[in-house]
Each structure stands twice: as structure tokens, then as C-alpha cells.
């Protein structure tokens, strides 16, 4: 989780706010990983666009994507990680992480994150 998301979770749990992120949440692909405070370098070019994330209610402190997340018409690039953003007018970055293995795609390729492959948890 980003520092922003951590702060928002604490504020919610402590009853300081009832605000949720602006839906739908979107998955972004990055070519250079980010950190708690700095966003990664997002893929650009081709027909790349952030894709909506669908998740079920959490269980045992975790959840994962319940549907494939599909990016079509990718530019030639190597994807090293993902970030999850909300859909506010000025989007807020909530989660980030690296892929188990980088994925290189050719121009026009599809990149698919299969259902269950993005795990979100609090620890």
C-alpha cells in the first residue's frame, strides 16, 4: 500500500472519515517500480489504458482480482509492476507492487493478468 492508502485506512478505522476511494479502481502497468511515496513509470503508447479492477469482499485480510484484467494493443515494452489508482478527478494511487517476473510484450500484443493473480492484503 502507498502511504496515502495506509493513512486513509487508519482514518476510516478510527472513525475520522467515511470516505471511500472513487470507484472504479483502475490497474496501471509500470515499466519502473514506484515506492510508498513515488509512483512508478506508467506504460504509454499503443492503445494502452488503465483497466478496471473487480474484487470480491476481503476474507482473512486479503482479496484478489475476481476477473482477468486485460490490456490490449500494448506498445513494445517490459512491464515490471502494477499500481492501483482510484478514479477521482485527480486520481489517488493506493497500491503498488512488482510482478513475480517481468513481462515483455511486442507492439500490438495483449497483456493479461488472470483472475486471482493480483493479491491485495493488509499486514
C-alpha atoms as a PDB file:
ATOM      1  CA  UNK A   1       0.000   0.000   0.000  1.00  0.00           C
ATOM      2  CA  UNK A   2       1.062   3.561  -0.534  1.00  0.00           C
ATOM      3  CA  UNK A   3       1.459   5.891   2.446  1.00  0.00           C
ATOM      4  CA  UNK A   4      -1.702   7.701   1.274  1.00  0.00           C
ATOM      5  CA  UNK A   5      -3.743   4.473   1.328  1.00  0.00           C
ATOM      6  CA  UNK A   6      -2.363   3.493   4.734  1.00  0.00           C
ATOM      7  CA  UNK A   7      -3.365   6.885   6.170  1.00  0.00           C
ATOM      8  CA  UNK A   8      -6.843   6.632   4.640  1.00  0.00           C
ATOM      9  CA  UNK A   9      -7.339   3.136   6.119  1.00  0.00           C
ATOM     10  CA  UNK A  10      -6.321   4.316   9.577  1.00  0.00           C
ATOM     11  CA  UNK A  11      -8.603   7.364   9.344  1.00  0.00           C
ATOM     12  CA  UNK A  12     -11.516   5.115   8.316  1.00  0.00           C
ATOM     13  CA  UNK A  13     -10.922   2.520  11.051  1.00  0.00           C
ATOM     14  CA  UNK A  14     -10.598   5.254  13.673  1.00  0.00           C
ATOM     15  CA  UNK A  15     -13.873   6.856  12.548  1.00  0.00           C
ATOM     16  CA  UNK A  16     -12.178  10.013  11.326  1.00  0.00           C
ATOM     17  CA  UNK A  17     -13.676   9.733   7.832  1.00  0.00           C
ATOM     18  CA  UNK A  18     -16.264   7.689   5.989  1.00  0.00           C
ATOM     19  CA  UNK A  19     -14.855   8.457   2.567  1.00  0.00           C
ATOM     20  CA  UNK A  20     -14.050   5.607   0.198  1.00  0.00           C
ATOM     21  CA  UNK A  21     -11.892   5.853  -2.924  1.00  0.00           C
ATOM     22  CA  UNK A  22     -13.673   6.964  -6.089  1.00  0.00           C
ATOM     23  CA  UNK A  23     -14.752   3.850  -7.999  1.00  0.00           C
ATOM     24  CA  UNK A  24     -13.931   2.087 -10.158  1.00  0.00           C
ATOM     25  CA  UNK A  25     -10.401   1.271  -9.084  1.00  0.00           C
ATOM     26  CA  UNK A  26      -8.025   1.067 -12.043  1.00  0.00           C
ATOM     27  CA  UNK A  27      -4.957  -1.096 -12.661  1.00  0.00           C
ATOM     28  CA  UNK A  28      -1.957   0.645 -14.226  1.00  0.00           C
ATOM     29  CA  UNK A  29       1.123  -1.100 -15.622  1.00  0.00           C
ATOM     30  CA  UNK A  30       4.592   0.281 -14.895  1.00  0.00           C
ATOM     31  CA  UNK A  31       7.982  -0.086 -16.566  1.00  0.00           C
ATOM     32  CA  UNK A  32       9.869   1.146 -13.468  1.00  0.00           C
ATOM     33  CA  UNK A  33       8.627   0.341  -9.979  1.00  0.00           C
ATOM     34  CA  UNK A  34       7.386   3.015  -7.599  1.00  0.00           C
ATOM     35  CA  UNK A  35       7.612   3.259  -3.820  1.00  0.00           C
ATOM     36  CA  UNK A  36       5.363   4.172  -0.887  1.00  0.00           C
ATOM     37  CA  UNK A  37       5.635   7.831  -1.863  1.00  0.00           C
ATOM     38  CA  UNK A  38       6.544   7.956  -5.579  1.00  0.00           C
ATOM     39  CA  UNK A  39       4.574   6.494  -8.492  1.00  0.00           C
ATOM     40  CA  UNK A  40       6.285   4.164 -10.924  1.00  0.00           C
ATOM     41  CA  UNK A  41       6.782   4.960 -14.613  1.00  0.00           C
ATOM     42  CA  UNK A  42       3.480   4.110 -16.278  1.00  0.00           C
ATOM     43  CA  UNK A  43       3.325   2.450 -19.683  1.00  0.00           C
ATOM     44  CA  UNK A  44       2.489   4.838 -22.538  1.00  0.00           C
ATOM     45  CA  UNK A  45       1.771   4.354 -26.206  1.00  0.00           C
ATOM     46  CA  UNK A  46      -0.142   1.913 -28.336  1.00  0.00           C
ATOM     47  CA  UNK A  47      -3.739   1.544 -27.135  1.00  0.00           C
ATOM     48  CA  UNK A  48      -2.643   1.196 -23.513  1.00  0.00           C
ATOM     49  CA  UNK A  49      -5.149   2.450 -20.940  1.00  0.00           C
ATOM     50  CA  UNK A  50      -5.709   1.694 -17.261  1.00  0.00           C
ATOM     51  CA  UNK A  51      -8.202  -1.116 -16.745  1.00  0.00           C
ATOM     52  CA  UNK A  52     -10.930  -1.527 -14.110  1.00  0.00           C
ATOM     53  CA  UNK A  53     -10.320  -3.857 -11.181  1.00  0.00           C
ATOM     54  CA  UNK A  54     -13.015  -6.217  -9.914  1.00  0.00           C
ATOM     55  CA  UNK A  55     -12.552  -7.775  -6.459  1.00  0.00           C
ATOM     56  CA  UNK A  56     -14.800  -9.652  -4.018  1.00  0.00           C
ATOM     57  CA  UNK A  57     -15.095  -8.727  -0.336  1.00  0.00           C
ATOM     58  CA  UNK A  58     -11.922  -9.451   1.627  1.00  0.00           C
ATOM     59  CA  UNK A  59     -11.535 -12.616   3.667  1.00  0.00           C
ATOM     60  CA  UNK A  60      -8.766 -13.280   6.220  1.00  0.00           C
ATOM     61  CA  UNK A  61      -7.276  -9.853   5.485  1.00  0.00           C
ATOM     62  CA  UNK A  62      -6.862 -10.327   1.738  1.00  0.00           C
ATOM     63  CA  UNK A  63      -8.636 -10.303  -1.618  1.00  0.00           C
ATOM     64  CA  UNK A  64      -7.642 -10.693  -5.275  1.00  0.00           C
ATOM     65  CA  UNK A  65      -8.937  -9.794  -8.710  1.00  0.00           C
ATOM     66  CA  UNK A  66     -12.047 -11.836  -9.497  1.00  0.00           C
ATOM     67  CA  UNK A  67     -11.817 -11.276 -13.252  1.00  0.00           C
ATOM     68  CA  UNK A  68      -8.976 -11.149 -15.762  1.00  0.00           C
ATOM     69  CA  UNK A  69      -7.510  -7.666 -16.259  1.00  0.00           C
ATOM     70  CA  UNK A  70      -6.756  -7.347 -19.975  1.00  0.00           C
ATOM     71  CA  UNK A  71      -4.637  -4.686 -21.668  1.00  0.00           C
ATOM     72  CA  UNK A  72      -4.890  -4.749 -25.467  1.00  0.00           C
ATOM     73  CA  UNK A  73      -2.856  -3.016 -28.162  1.00  0.00           C
ATOM     74  CA  UNK A  74       0.196  -2.712 -25.919  1.00  0.00           C
ATOM     75  CA  UNK A  75       3.288  -0.805 -27.043  1.00  0.00           C
ATOM     76  CA  UNK A  76       6.602  -2.686 -27.206  1.00  0.00           C
ATOM     77  CA  UNK A  77       7.749  -2.573 -23.580  1.00  0.00           C
ATOM     78  CA  UNK A  78       8.737  -4.527 -20.488  1.00  0.00           C
ATOM     79  CA  UNK A  79       6.276  -4.366 -17.601  1.00  0.00           C
ATOM     80  CA  UNK A  80       7.795  -4.762 -14.130  1.00  0.00           C
ATOM     81  CA  UNK A  81       4.831  -3.996 -11.888  1.00  0.00           C
ATOM     82  CA  UNK A  82       1.317  -2.756 -11.317  1.00  0.00           C
ATOM     83  CA  UNK A  83      -0.297   0.112  -9.448  1.00  0.00           C
ATOM     84  CA  UNK A  84      -3.906   0.555  -8.403  1.00  0.00           C
ATOM     85  CA  UNK A  85      -5.455   4.001  -8.627  1.00  0.00           C
ATOM     86  CA  UNK A  86      -8.914   5.324  -7.887  1.00  0.00           C
ATOM     87  CA  UNK A  87     -10.953   7.243 -10.486  1.00  0.00           C
ATOM     88  CA  UNK A  88     -11.100  10.660  -8.793  1.00  0.00           C
ATOM     89  CA  UNK A  89     -10.722  13.785 -10.950  1.00  0.00           C
ATOM     90  CA  UNK A  90      -7.143  13.785  -9.669  1.00  0.00           C
ATOM     91  CA  UNK A  91      -6.591  10.024  -9.252  1.00  0.00           C
ATOM     92  CA  UNK A  92      -5.102   8.742  -5.998  1.00  0.00           C
ATOM     93  CA  UNK A  93      -2.540   5.916  -6.096  1.00  0.00           C
ATOM     94  CA  UNK A  94      -3.443   3.302  -3.481  1.00  0.00           C
ATOM     95  CA  UNK A  95      -1.400   0.145  -4.108  1.00  0.00           C
ATOM     96  CA  UNK A  96       1.772  -0.798  -5.938  1.00  0.00           C
ATOM     97  CA  UNK A  97       3.861  -3.897  -6.432  1.00  0.00           C
ATOM     98  CA  UNK A  98       6.228  -5.712  -8.717  1.00  0.00           C
ATOM     99  CA  UNK A  99       5.311  -8.702 -10.844  1.00  0.00           C
ATOM    100  CA  UNK A 100       6.768 -12.087  -9.869  1.00  0.00           C
ATOM    101  CA  UNK A 101       8.550 -11.907 -13.249  1.00  0.00           C
ATOM    102  CA  UNK A 102       8.804  -9.003 -15.689  1.00  0.00           C
ATOM    103  CA  UNK A 103       6.734  -9.394 -18.852  1.00  0.00           C
ATOM    104  CA  UNK A 104       7.985  -8.211 -22.225  1.00  0.00           C
ATOM    105  CA  UNK A 105       5.379  -7.529 -24.891  1.00  0.00           C
ATOM    106  CA  UNK A 106       5.662  -6.618 -28.568  1.00  0.00           C
ATOM    107  CA  UNK A 107       3.729  -3.761 -30.146  1.00  0.00           C
ATOM    108  CA  UNK A 108       0.073  -4.739 -30.518  1.00  0.00           C
ATOM    109  CA  UNK A 109       0.269  -7.596 -28.010  1.00  0.00           C
ATOM    110  CA  UNK A 110      -2.213  -8.239 -25.219  1.00  0.00           C
ATOM    111  CA  UNK A 111      -1.122  -8.439 -21.587  1.00  0.00           C
ATOM    112  CA  UNK A 112      -3.477 -10.379 -19.316  1.00  0.00           C
ATOM    113  CA  UNK A 113      -3.421 -10.550 -15.524  1.00  0.00           C
ATOM    114  CA  UNK A 114      -5.511 -13.644 -14.856  1.00  0.00           C
ATOM    115  CA  UNK A 115      -8.166 -13.738 -12.153  1.00  0.00           C
ATOM    116  CA  UNK A 116      -6.597 -14.306  -8.744  1.00  0.00           C
ATOM    117  CA  UNK A 117      -3.130 -13.088  -9.763  1.00  0.00           C
ATOM    118  CA  UNK A 118      -3.341  -9.673  -8.057  1.00  0.00           C
ATOM    119  CA  UNK A 119      -3.447 -10.230  -4.317  1.00  0.00           C
ATOM    120  CA  UNK A 120      -4.253  -7.286  -2.049  1.00  0.00           C
ATOM    121  CA  UNK A 121      -3.693  -7.681   1.672  1.00  0.00           C
ATOM    122  CA  UNK A 122      -3.122  -5.790   4.889  1.00  0.00           C
ATOM    123  CA  UNK A 123      -0.359  -6.956   7.175  1.00  0.00           C
END
